[in-house]
Amino acid sequence: MPMAGRTMDPGSEYLFMLCSGLVLFTIGCFLAFNLWGVVDRFTAFLAAQYAQSGRTTPPRGLSVLRLVGALFFLLGGALALTGAVKVF
């Protein structure tokens, strides 16, 4: 990621790191903490897609989505904090 802004200002790669960290942190919050029932709605959508296609096996459990959400939450927080320190 530090190569993102090499053709522009010297500090622009840290601004990119800050913005991408905030996006990952937000996605991680919604997935890890199941805000607004995002995980439940996504698994219901997957189950409907399986039923419509004629498959009988249900989609995998919620633990995988929550694990991915926790990783995004931690990685996004670290990136946002590092980018904010370097920008400001």
Protein backbone atom coordinates (compact mmCIF):
# COMPACT_ATOMS: atom_id res chain seq x y z
CA MET A 1 0.00 0.00 0.00
CA PRO A 2 2.78 2.54 0.51
CA MET A 3 3.29 2.48 -3.29
CA ALA A 4 -0.19 3.92 -3.95
CA GLY A 5 0.87 7.54 -4.09
CA ARG A 6 4.42 7.45 -5.38
CA THR A 7 3.65 9.68 -8.36
CA MET A 8 1.93 12.35 -6.24
CA ASP A 9 2.71 14.02 -2.92
CA PRO A 10 5.02 12.19 -0.54
CA GLY A 11 2.29 11.90 2.12
CA SER A 12 -0.51 10.74 -0.15
CA GLU A 13 0.19 7.04 0.44
CA TYR A 14 -0.60 7.58 4.11
CA LEU A 15 -3.86 9.30 3.21
CA PHE A 16 -4.74 6.25 1.11
CA MET A 17 -3.81 4.06 4.08
CA LEU A 18 -6.08 6.12 6.33
CA CYS A 19 -9.05 5.94 3.93
CA SER A 20 -8.70 2.23 3.21
CA GLY A 21 -8.32 1.55 6.93
CA LEU A 22 -11.56 3.38 7.66
CA VAL A 23 -13.39 1.40 4.97
CA LEU A 24 -12.05 -1.94 6.27
CA PHE A 25 -12.84 -0.92 9.85
CA THR A 26 -16.44 -0.07 8.92
CA ILE A 27 -16.98 -3.34 7.03
CA GLY A 28 -15.43 -5.23 9.92
CA CYS A 29 -17.75 -3.55 12.42
CA PHE A 30 -20.83 -4.52 10.44
CA LEU A 31 -19.71 -8.14 10.00
CA ALA A 32 -18.12 -8.83 13.39
CA PHE A 33 -20.81 -7.23 15.53
CA ASN A 34 -23.76 -8.05 13.22
CA LEU A 35 -24.91 -4.44 13.07
CA TRP A 36 -28.35 -4.03 11.50
CA GLY A 37 -28.48 -7.82 11.02
CA VAL A 38 -26.09 -7.73 8.07
CA VAL A 39 -24.76 -11.26 8.63
CA ASP A 40 -28.24 -12.71 9.16
CA ARG A 41 -29.57 -11.09 6.00
CA PHE A 42 -26.57 -12.24 3.97
CA THR A 43 -26.93 -15.86 5.09
CA ALA A 44 -30.69 -15.70 4.39
CA PHE A 45 -29.85 -14.42 0.90
CA LEU A 46 -27.41 -17.30 0.38
CA ALA A 47 -29.99 -19.82 1.58
CA ALA A 48 -32.55 -18.39 -0.86
CA GLN A 49 -30.03 -18.64 -3.69
CA TYR A 50 -29.33 -22.28 -2.82
CA ALA A 51 -33.03 -23.07 -2.73
CA GLN A 52 -33.66 -21.33 -6.05
CA SER A 53 -30.84 -23.18 -7.79
CA GLY A 54 -32.09 -26.57 -6.58
CA ARG A 55 -29.18 -27.41 -4.28
CA THR A 56 -29.99 -29.03 -0.99
CA THR A 57 -26.89 -28.21 1.03
CA PRO A 58 -27.25 -25.10 3.20
CA PRO A 59 -24.61 -22.36 3.19
CA ARG A 60 -21.85 -22.40 5.80
CA GLY A 61 -22.40 -20.99 9.27
CA LEU A 62 -22.03 -17.49 10.54
CA SER A 63 -18.68 -18.11 12.18
CA VAL A 64 -16.73 -17.63 8.94
CA LEU A 65 -18.31 -14.22 8.30
CA ARG A 66 -17.71 -13.13 11.87
CA LEU A 67 -14.07 -14.26 11.67
CA VAL A 68 -13.56 -12.28 8.46
CA GLY A 69 -15.28 -9.32 10.10
CA ALA A 70 -12.98 -9.52 13.11
CA LEU A 71 -9.93 -9.59 10.84
CA PHE A 72 -11.20 -6.59 8.86
CA PHE A 73 -11.96 -4.81 12.14
CA LEU A 74 -8.43 -5.29 13.51
CA LEU A 75 -6.61 -4.69 10.23
CA GLY A 76 -8.69 -1.63 9.38
CA GLY A 77 -8.17 -0.14 12.81
CA ALA A 78 -4.42 -0.62 12.58
CA LEU A 79 -4.26 0.86 9.07
CA ALA A 80 -6.44 3.83 10.01
CA LEU A 81 -4.40 4.54 13.13
CA THR A 82 -1.09 4.29 11.29
CA GLY A 83 -2.35 6.47 8.44
CA ALA A 84 -3.73 9.07 10.82
CA VAL A 85 -0.46 9.29 12.74
CA LYS A 86 1.54 9.76 9.53
CA VAL A 87 -0.90 12.26 7.96
CA PHE A 88 -1.44 14.45 11.01
